[in-house]
Amino acid sequence: MYRRELQRTTSDLAEIQSVIGAGILSGIQMLASTFLRSEHESAQALTLHTGLQALRENMKHLRKPENAFPKLSWERLKRSHYCVF
């Protein structure tokens, strides 16, 4: 029984890591691509500011348990030894 729970916890942690990593990566990719497309310094500053805002919003969205871990039981996640709430 312990081994089964450990396997589930490991699987859950891998899913959490992939979701958070994907969110951060997509924000950085969007920021880099829009930054490279801008032509002037003022446009670059505005693009950078907009990209950082989008990344911040993306991270807020991912922090909500119902958005970040749709396949994961939130109650089971709260009981996990790895998470402190």
PDB file of N, CA and C in Angstrom:
ATOM      1  N   MET A   1       0.824  -1.186   0.000  1.00  0.00           N
ATOM      2  CA  MET A   1       0.000   0.000   0.000  1.00  0.00           C
ATOM      3  C   MET A   1       0.876   1.261   0.000  1.00  0.00           C
ATOM      4  N   TYR A   2       1.921   1.242   0.797  1.00  0.00           N
ATOM      5  CA  TYR A   2       2.826   2.389   0.859  1.00  0.00           C
ATOM      6  C   TYR A   2       3.461   2.640  -0.508  1.00  0.00           C
ATOM      7  N   ARG A   3       3.870   1.570  -1.169  1.00  0.00           N
ATOM      8  CA  ARG A   3       4.511   1.692  -2.474  1.00  0.00           C
ATOM      9  C   ARG A   3       3.544   2.301  -3.500  1.00  0.00           C
ATOM     10  N   ARG A   4       2.286   1.892  -3.466  1.00  0.00           N
ATOM     11  CA  ARG A   4       1.289   2.417  -4.397  1.00  0.00           C
ATOM     12  C   ARG A   4       1.071   3.926  -4.169  1.00  0.00           C
ATOM     13  N   GLU A   5       0.975   4.321  -2.900  1.00  0.00           N
ATOM     14  CA  GLU A   5       0.787   5.741  -2.576  1.00  0.00           C
ATOM     15  C   GLU A   5       2.013   6.555  -2.990  1.00  0.00           C
ATOM     16  N   LEU A   6       3.184   5.992  -2.803  1.00  0.00           N
ATOM     17  CA  LEU A   6       4.412   6.668  -3.211  1.00  0.00           C
ATOM     18  C   LEU A   6       4.449   6.852  -4.730  1.00  0.00           C
ATOM     19  N   GLN A   7       4.031   5.831  -5.472  1.00  0.00           N
ATOM     20  CA  GLN A   7       3.994   5.940  -6.928  1.00  0.00           C
ATOM     21  C   GLN A   7       3.002   7.013  -7.374  1.00  0.00           C
ATOM     22  N   ARG A   8       1.832   7.062  -6.729  1.00  0.00           N
ATOM     23  CA  ARG A   8       0.842   8.087  -7.071  1.00  0.00           C
ATOM     24  C   ARG A   8       1.369   9.484  -6.764  1.00  0.00           C
ATOM     25  N   THR A   9       2.014   9.630  -5.620  1.00  0.00           N
ATOM     26  CA  THR A   9       2.561  10.935  -5.238  1.00  0.00           C
ATOM     27  C   THR A   9       3.635  11.372  -6.222  1.00  0.00           C
ATOM     28  N   THR A  10       4.495  10.458  -6.621  1.00  0.00           N
ATOM     29  CA  THR A  10       5.541  10.769  -7.599  1.00  0.00           C
ATOM     30  C   THR A  10       4.928  11.197  -8.925  1.00  0.00           C
ATOM     31  N   SER A  11       3.898  10.496  -9.350  1.00  0.00           N
ATOM     32  CA  SER A  11       3.201  10.842 -10.587  1.00  0.00           C
ATOM     33  C   SER A  11       2.557  12.224 -10.486  1.00  0.00           C
ATOM     34  N   ASP A  12       1.930  12.504  -9.347  1.00  0.00           N
ATOM     35  CA  ASP A  12       1.296  13.809  -9.136  1.00  0.00           C
ATOM     36  C   ASP A  12       2.320  14.932  -9.176  1.00  0.00           C
ATOM     37  N   LEU A  13       3.462  14.719  -8.542  1.00  0.00           N
ATOM     38  CA  LEU A  13       4.504  15.747  -8.530  1.00  0.00           C
ATOM     39  C   LEU A  13       5.058  15.993  -9.934  1.00  0.00           C
ATOM     40  N   ALA A  14       5.184  14.951 -10.726  1.00  0.00           N
ATOM     41  CA  ALA A  14       5.652  15.112 -12.105  1.00  0.00           C
ATOM     42  C   ALA A  14       4.646  15.928 -12.911  1.00  0.00           C
ATOM     43  N   GLU A  15       3.353  15.682 -12.680  1.00  0.00           N
ATOM     44  CA  GLU A  15       2.321  16.445 -13.385  1.00  0.00           C
ATOM     45  C   GLU A  15       2.360  17.917 -12.980  1.00  0.00           C
ATOM     46  N   ILE A  16       2.508  18.167 -11.693  1.00  0.00           N
ATOM     47  CA  ILE A  16       2.586  19.542 -11.196  1.00  0.00           C
ATOM     48  C   ILE A  16       3.772  20.262 -11.837  1.00  0.00           C
ATOM     49  N   GLN A  17       4.906  19.598 -11.848  1.00  0.00           N
ATOM     50  CA  GLN A  17       6.115  20.190 -12.414  1.00  0.00           C
ATOM     51  C   GLN A  17       5.927  20.501 -13.896  1.00  0.00           C
ATOM     52  N   SER A  18       5.303  19.599 -14.632  1.00  0.00           N
ATOM     53  CA  SER A  18       5.127  19.830 -16.067  1.00  0.00           C
ATOM     54  C   SER A  18       4.165  20.978 -16.332  1.00  0.00           C
ATOM     55  N   VAL A  19       3.104  21.102 -15.527  1.00  0.00           N
ATOM     56  CA  VAL A  19       2.137  22.185 -15.726  1.00  0.00           C
ATOM     57  C   VAL A  19       2.774  23.535 -15.437  1.00  0.00           C
ATOM     58  N   ILE A  20       3.460  23.637 -14.321  1.00  0.00           N
ATOM     59  CA  ILE A  20       4.082  24.909 -13.950  1.00  0.00           C
ATOM     60  C   ILE A  20       5.195  25.261 -14.932  1.00  0.00           C
ATOM     61  N   GLY A  21       5.994  24.271 -15.296  1.00  0.00           N
ATOM     62  CA  GLY A  21       7.069  24.513 -16.259  1.00  0.00           C
ATOM     63  C   GLY A  21       6.541  24.970 -17.604  1.00  0.00           C
ATOM     64  N   ALA A  22       5.447  24.380 -18.060  1.00  0.00           N
ATOM     65  CA  ALA A  22       4.860  24.767 -19.343  1.00  0.00           C
ATOM     66  C   ALA A  22       4.343  26.198 -19.293  1.00  0.00           C
ATOM     67  N   GLY A  23       3.754  26.588 -18.172  1.00  0.00           N
ATOM     68  CA  GLY A  23       3.243  27.951 -18.039  1.00  0.00           C
ATOM     69  C   GLY A  23       4.350  28.983 -18.080  1.00  0.00           C
ATOM     70  N   ILE A  24       5.416  28.714 -17.367  1.00  0.00           N
ATOM     71  CA  ILE A  24       6.550  29.640 -17.346  1.00  0.00           C
ATOM     72  C   ILE A  24       7.200  29.701 -18.727  1.00  0.00           C
ATOM     73  N   LEU A  25       7.383  28.547 -19.338  1.00  0.00           N
ATOM     74  CA  LEU A  25       8.023  28.501 -20.647  1.00  0.00           C
ATOM     75  C   LEU A  25       7.210  29.256 -21.692  1.00  0.00           C
ATOM     76  N   SER A  26       5.886  29.082 -21.702  1.00  0.00           N
ATOM     77  CA  SER A  26       5.071  29.780 -22.699  1.00  0.00           C
ATOM     78  C   SER A  26       5.126  31.286 -22.491  1.00  0.00           C
ATOM     79  N   GLY A  27       5.149  31.726 -21.244  1.00  0.00           N
ATOM     80  CA  GLY A  27       5.265  33.160 -20.976  1.00  0.00           C
ATOM     81  C   GLY A  27       6.585  33.729 -21.459  1.00  0.00           C
ATOM     82  N   ILE A  28       7.659  33.017 -21.216  1.00  0.00           N
ATOM     83  CA  ILE A  28       8.983  33.481 -21.639  1.00  0.00           C
ATOM     84  C   ILE A  28       9.093  33.474 -23.166  1.00  0.00           C
ATOM     85  N   GLN A  29       8.547  32.445 -23.814  1.00  0.00           N
ATOM     86  CA  GLN A  29       8.592  32.386 -25.272  1.00  0.00           C
ATOM     87  C   GLN A  29       7.823  33.550 -25.892  1.00  0.00           C
ATOM     88  N   MET A  30       6.636  33.849 -25.337  1.00  0.00           N
ATOM     89  CA  MET A  30       5.847  34.954 -25.852  1.00  0.00           C
ATOM     90  C   MET A  30       6.591  36.271 -25.662  1.00  0.00           C
ATOM     91  N   LEU A  31       7.174  36.433 -24.491  1.00  0.00           N
ATOM     92  CA  LEU A  31       7.924  37.651 -24.185  1.00  0.00           C
ATOM     93  C   LEU A  31       9.097  37.816 -25.152  1.00  0.00           C
ATOM     94  N   ALA A  32       9.847  36.765 -25.372  1.00  0.00           N
ATOM     95  CA  ALA A  32      11.014  36.839 -26.260  1.00  0.00           C
ATOM     96  C   ALA A  32      10.601  37.109 -27.702  1.00  0.00           C
ATOM     97  N   SER A  33       9.557  36.437 -28.179  1.00  0.00           N
ATOM     98  CA  SER A  33       9.168  36.622 -29.577  1.00  0.00           C
ATOM     99  C   SER A  33       8.626  38.023 -29.834  1.00  0.00           C
ATOM    100  N   THR A  34       7.830  38.567 -28.917  1.00  0.00           N
ATOM    101  CA  THR A  34       7.315  39.922 -29.130  1.00  0.00           C
ATOM    102  C   THR A  34       8.423  40.955 -28.964  1.00  0.00           C
ATOM    103  N   PHE A  35       9.347  40.708 -28.071  1.00  0.00           N
ATOM    104  CA  PHE A  35      10.460  41.636 -27.868  1.00  0.00           C
ATOM    105  C   PHE A  35      11.320  41.712 -29.128  1.00  0.00           C
ATOM    106  N   LEU A  36      11.564  40.587 -29.763  1.00  0.00           N
ATOM    107  CA  LEU A  36      12.407  40.566 -30.957  1.00  0.00           C
ATOM    108  C   LEU A  36      11.722  41.220 -32.152  1.00  0.00           C
ATOM    109  N   ARG A  37      10.387  41.221 -32.165  1.00  0.00           N
ATOM    110  CA  ARG A  37       9.658  41.808 -33.285  1.00  0.00           C
ATOM    111  C   ARG A  37       9.564  43.334 -33.206  1.00  0.00           C
ATOM    112  N   SER A  38       9.745  43.902 -32.037  1.00  0.00           N
ATOM    113  CA  SER A  38       9.594  45.355 -31.903  1.00  0.00           C
ATOM    114  C   SER A  38      10.776  46.082 -32.545  1.00  0.00           C
ATOM    115  N   GLU A  39      10.520  47.294 -33.052  1.00  0.00           N
ATOM    116  CA  GLU A  39      11.533  47.989 -33.848  1.00  0.00           C
ATOM    117  C   GLU A  39      12.264  49.100 -33.103  1.00  0.00           C
ATOM    118  N   HIS A  40      11.602  49.784 -32.191  1.00  0.00           N
ATOM    119  CA  HIS A  40      12.206  50.945 -31.538  1.00  0.00           C
ATOM    120  C   HIS A  40      12.315  50.709 -30.042  1.00  0.00           C
ATOM    121  N   GLU A  41      13.162  51.503 -29.389  1.00  0.00           N
ATOM    122  CA  GLU A  41      13.365  51.344 -27.946  1.00  0.00           C
ATOM    123  C   GLU A  41      12.081  51.516 -27.158  1.00  0.00           C
ATOM    124  N   SER A  42      11.291  52.535 -27.484  1.00  0.00           N
ATOM    125  CA  SER A  42      10.044  52.755 -26.747  1.00  0.00           C
ATOM    126  C   SER A  42       9.083  51.586 -26.965  1.00  0.00           C
ATOM    127  N   ALA A  43       9.059  51.074 -28.199  1.00  0.00           N
ATOM    128  CA  ALA A  43       8.209  49.918 -28.488  1.00  0.00           C
ATOM    129  C   ALA A  43       8.721  48.697 -27.730  1.00  0.00           C
ATOM    130  N   GLN A  44      10.048  48.572 -27.622  1.00  0.00           N
ATOM    131  CA  GLN A  44      10.619  47.448 -26.887  1.00  0.00           C
ATOM    132  C   GLN A  44      10.261  47.523 -25.410  1.00  0.00           C
ATOM    133  N   ALA A  45      10.325  48.722 -24.846  1.00  0.00           N
ATOM    134  CA  ALA A  45       9.975  48.886 -23.433  1.00  0.00           C
ATOM    135  C   ALA A  45       8.513  48.533 -23.201  1.00  0.00           C
ATOM    136  N   LEU A  46       7.640  48.999 -24.098  1.00  0.00           N
ATOM    137  CA  LEU A  46       6.214  48.691 -23.974  1.00  0.00           C
ATOM    138  C   LEU A  46       5.970  47.193 -24.143  1.00  0.00           C
ATOM    139  N   THR A  47       6.646  46.594 -25.112  1.00  0.00           N
ATOM    140  CA  THR A  47       6.495  45.159 -25.350  1.00  0.00           C
ATOM    141  C   THR A  47       6.977  44.352 -24.155  1.00  0.00           C
ATOM    142  N   LEU A  48       8.102  44.757 -23.596  1.00  0.00           N
ATOM    143  CA  LEU A  48       8.636  44.068 -22.427  1.00  0.00           C
ATOM    144  C   LEU A  48       7.663  44.163 -21.258  1.00  0.00           C
ATOM    145  N   HIS A  49       7.127  45.359 -21.041  1.00  0.00           N
ATOM    146  CA  HIS A  49       6.162  45.565 -19.957  1.00  0.00           C
ATOM    147  C   HIS A  49       4.917  44.701 -20.173  1.00  0.00           C
ATOM    148  N   THR A  50       4.404  44.684 -21.395  1.00  0.00           N
ATOM    149  CA  THR A  50       3.214  43.891 -21.713  1.00  0.00           C
ATOM    150  C   THR A  50       3.490  42.401 -21.541  1.00  0.00           C
ATOM    151  N   GLY A  51       4.660  41.959 -21.995  1.00  0.00           N
ATOM    152  CA  GLY A  51       5.021  40.547 -21.859  1.00  0.00           C
ATOM    153  C   GLY A  51       5.144  40.121 -20.410  1.00  0.00           C
ATOM    154  N   LEU A  52       5.746  40.979 -19.594  1.00  0.00           N
ATOM    155  CA  LEU A  52       5.874  40.655 -18.172  1.00  0.00           C
ATOM    156  C   LEU A  52       4.511  40.616 -17.489  1.00  0.00           C
ATOM    157  N   GLN A  53       3.610  41.515 -17.881  1.00  0.00           N
ATOM    158  CA  GLN A  53       2.253  41.483 -17.327  1.00  0.00           C
ATOM    159  C   GLN A  53       1.559  40.177 -17.702  1.00  0.00           C
ATOM    160  N   ALA A  54       1.709  39.758 -18.951  1.00  0.00           N
ATOM    161  CA  ALA A  54       1.087  38.511 -19.397  1.00  0.00           C
ATOM    162  C   ALA A  54       1.656  37.316 -18.640  1.00  0.00           C
ATOM    163  N   LEU A  55       2.960  37.312 -18.424  1.00  0.00           N
ATOM    164  CA  LEU A  55       3.588  36.226 -17.674  1.00  0.00           C
ATOM    165  C   LEU A  55       3.073  36.200 -16.237  1.00  0.00           C
ATOM    166  N   ARG A  56       2.952  37.371 -15.625  1.00  0.00           N
ATOM    167  CA  ARG A  56       2.435  37.463 -14.253  1.00  0.00           C
ATOM    168  C   ARG A  56       0.996  36.937 -14.173  1.00  0.00           C
ATOM    169  N   GLU A  57       0.155  37.307 -15.148  1.00  0.00           N
ATOM    170  CA  GLU A  57      -1.233  36.830 -15.173  1.00  0.00           C
ATOM    171  C   GLU A  57      -1.275  35.314 -15.366  1.00  0.00           C
ATOM    172  N   ASN A  58      -0.401  34.818 -16.225  1.00  0.00           N
ATOM    173  CA  ASN A  58      -0.335  33.379 -16.459  1.00  0.00           C
ATOM    174  C   ASN A  58       0.014  32.641 -15.170  1.00  0.00           C
ATOM    175  N   MET A  59       0.954  33.164 -14.413  1.00  0.00           N
ATOM    176  CA  MET A  59       1.349  32.516 -13.164  1.00  0.00           C
ATOM    177  C   MET A  59       0.239  32.599 -12.123  1.00  0.00           C
ATOM    178  N   LYS A  60      -0.501  33.726 -12.074  1.00  0.00           N
ATOM    179  CA  LYS A  60      -1.646  33.824 -11.158  1.00  0.00           C
ATOM    180  C   LYS A  60      -2.669  32.758 -11.502  1.00  0.00           C
ATOM    181  N   HIS A  61      -2.905  32.576 -12.812  1.00  0.00           N
ATOM    182  CA  HIS A  61      -3.872  31.581 -13.274  1.00  0.00           C
ATOM    183  C   HIS A  61      -3.423  30.176 -12.868  1.00  0.00           C
ATOM    184  N   LEU A  62      -2.141  29.889 -13.005  1.00  0.00           N
ATOM    185  CA  LEU A  62      -1.639  28.558 -12.671  1.00  0.00           C
ATOM    186  C   LEU A  62      -1.634  28.292 -11.173  1.00  0.00           C
ATOM    187  N   ARG A  63      -1.557  29.347 -10.353  1.00  0.00           N
ATOM    188  CA  ARG A  63      -1.536  29.147  -8.905  1.00  0.00           C
ATOM    189  C   ARG A  63      -2.879  28.680  -8.365  1.00  0.00           C
ATOM    190  N   LYS A  64      -3.953  28.918  -9.115  1.00  0.00           N
ATOM    191  CA  LYS A  64      -5.267  28.456  -8.665  1.00  0.00           C
ATOM    192  C   LYS A  64      -5.311  26.943  -8.857  1.00  0.00           C
ATOM    193  N   PRO A  65      -5.610  26.201  -7.815  1.00  0.00           N
ATOM    194  CA  PRO A  65      -5.555  24.738  -7.911  1.00  0.00           C
ATOM    195  C   PRO A  65      -6.464  24.166  -8.988  1.00  0.00           C
ATOM    196  N   GLU A  66      -7.629  24.757  -9.189  1.00  0.00           N
ATOM    197  CA  GLU A  66      -8.540  24.203 -10.194  1.00  0.00           C
ATOM    198  C   GLU A  66      -8.023  24.433 -11.611  1.00  0.00           C
ATOM    199  N   ASN A  67      -7.133  25.402 -11.805  1.00  0.00           N
ATOM    200  CA  ASN A  67      -6.559  25.654 -13.127  1.00  0.00           C
ATOM    201  C   ASN A  67      -5.248  24.910 -13.334  1.00  0.00           C
ATOM    202  N   ALA A  68      -4.462  24.818 -12.304  1.00  0.00           N
ATOM    203  CA  ALA A  68      -3.128  24.244 -12.449  1.00  0.00           C
ATOM    204  C   ALA A  68      -3.128  22.725 -12.486  1.00  0.00           C
ATOM    205  N   PHE A  69      -4.025  22.113 -11.755  1.00  0.00           N
ATOM    206  CA  PHE A  69      -3.983  20.665 -11.613  1.00  0.00           C
ATOM    207  C   PHE A  69      -5.353  20.050 -11.892  1.00  0.00           C
ATOM    208  N   PRO A  70      -5.861  20.155 -13.121  1.00  0.00           N
ATOM    209  CA  PRO A  70      -7.217  19.685 -13.377  1.00  0.00           C
ATOM    210  C   PRO A  70      -7.416  18.186 -13.155  1.00  0.00           C
ATOM    211  N   LYS A  71      -6.385  17.376 -13.388  1.00  0.00           N
ATOM    212  CA  LYS A  71      -6.533  15.930 -13.240  1.00  0.00           C
ATOM    213  C   LYS A  71      -6.269  15.467 -11.812  1.00  0.00           C
ATOM    214  N   LEU A  72      -5.741  16.349 -11.019  1.00  0.00           N
ATOM    215  CA  LEU A  72      -5.290  15.986  -9.688  1.00  0.00           C
ATOM    216  C   LEU A  72      -6.375  16.250  -8.657  1.00  0.00           C
ATOM    217  N   SER A  73      -6.549  15.350  -7.744  1.00  0.00           N
ATOM    218  CA  SER A  73      -7.496  15.569  -6.658  1.00  0.00           C
ATOM    219  C   SER A  73      -6.912  16.610  -5.715  1.00  0.00           C
ATOM    220  N   TRP A  74      -7.582  17.741  -5.582  1.00  0.00           N
ATOM    221  CA  TRP A  74      -7.076  18.818  -4.740  1.00  0.00           C
ATOM    222  C   TRP A  74      -6.995  18.370  -3.292  1.00  0.00           C
ATOM    223  N   GLU A  75      -7.956  17.592  -2.829  1.00  0.00           N
ATOM    224  CA  GLU A  75      -7.925  17.096  -1.451  1.00  0.00           C
ATOM    225  C   GLU A  75      -6.704  16.198  -1.239  1.00  0.00           C
ATOM    226  N   ARG A  76      -6.411  15.348  -2.209  1.00  0.00           N
ATOM    227  CA  ARG A  76      -5.253  14.465  -2.095  1.00  0.00           C
ATOM    228  C   ARG A  76      -3.960  15.271  -2.122  1.00  0.00           C
ATOM    229  N   LEU A  77      -3.946  16.325  -2.926  1.00  0.00           N
ATOM    230  CA  LEU A  77      -2.764  17.170  -2.984  1.00  0.00           C
ATOM    231  C   LEU A  77      -2.527  17.848  -1.637  1.00  0.00           C
ATOM    232  N   LYS A  78      -3.577  18.316  -0.993  1.00  0.00           N
ATOM    233  CA  LYS A  78      -3.430  18.981   0.303  1.00  0.00           C
ATOM    234  C   LYS A  78      -2.910  18.015   1.365  1.00  0.00           C
ATOM    235  N   ARG A  79      -3.239  16.733   1.232  1.00  0.00           N
ATOM    236  CA  ARG A  79      -2.773  15.734   2.201  1.00  0.00           C
ATOM    237  C   ARG A  79      -1.331  15.306   1.940  1.00  0.00           C
ATOM    238  N   SER A  80      -0.815  15.686   0.801  1.00  0.00           N
ATOM    239  CA  SER A  80       0.535  15.282   0.426  1.00  0.00           C
ATOM    240  C   SER A  80       1.561  15.828   1.417  1.00  0.00           C
ATOM    241  N   HIS A  81       2.592  15.052   1.644  1.00  0.00           N
ATOM    242  CA  HIS A  81       3.658  15.452   2.567  1.00  0.00           C
ATOM    243  C   HIS A  81       4.526  16.557   1.974  1.00  0.00           C
ATOM    244  N   TYR A  82       4.422  16.754   0.647  1.00  0.00           N
ATOM    245  CA  TYR A  82       5.300  17.699  -0.024  1.00  0.00           C
ATOM    246  C   TYR A  82       4.735  19.110  -0.089  1.00  0.00           C
ATOM    247  N   CYS A  83       3.459  19.287   0.246  1.00  0.00           N
ATOM    248  CA  CYS A  83       2.827  20.593   0.112  1.00  0.00           C
ATOM    249  C   CYS A  83       2.416  21.127   1.470  1.00  0.00           C
ATOM    250  N   VAL A  84       2.646  22.394   1.689  1.00  0.00           N
ATOM    251  CA  VAL A  84       2.266  23.032   2.949  1.00  0.00           C
ATOM    252  C   VAL A  84       1.254  24.118   2.631  1.00  0.00           C
ATOM    253  N   PHE A  85       0.067  24.021   3.221  1.00  0.00           N
ATOM    254  CA  PHE A  85      -0.982  25.017   2.980  1.00  0.00           C
ATOM    255  C   PHE A  85      -1.454  25.590   4.284  1.00  0.00           C
TER     256      PHE A  85
END
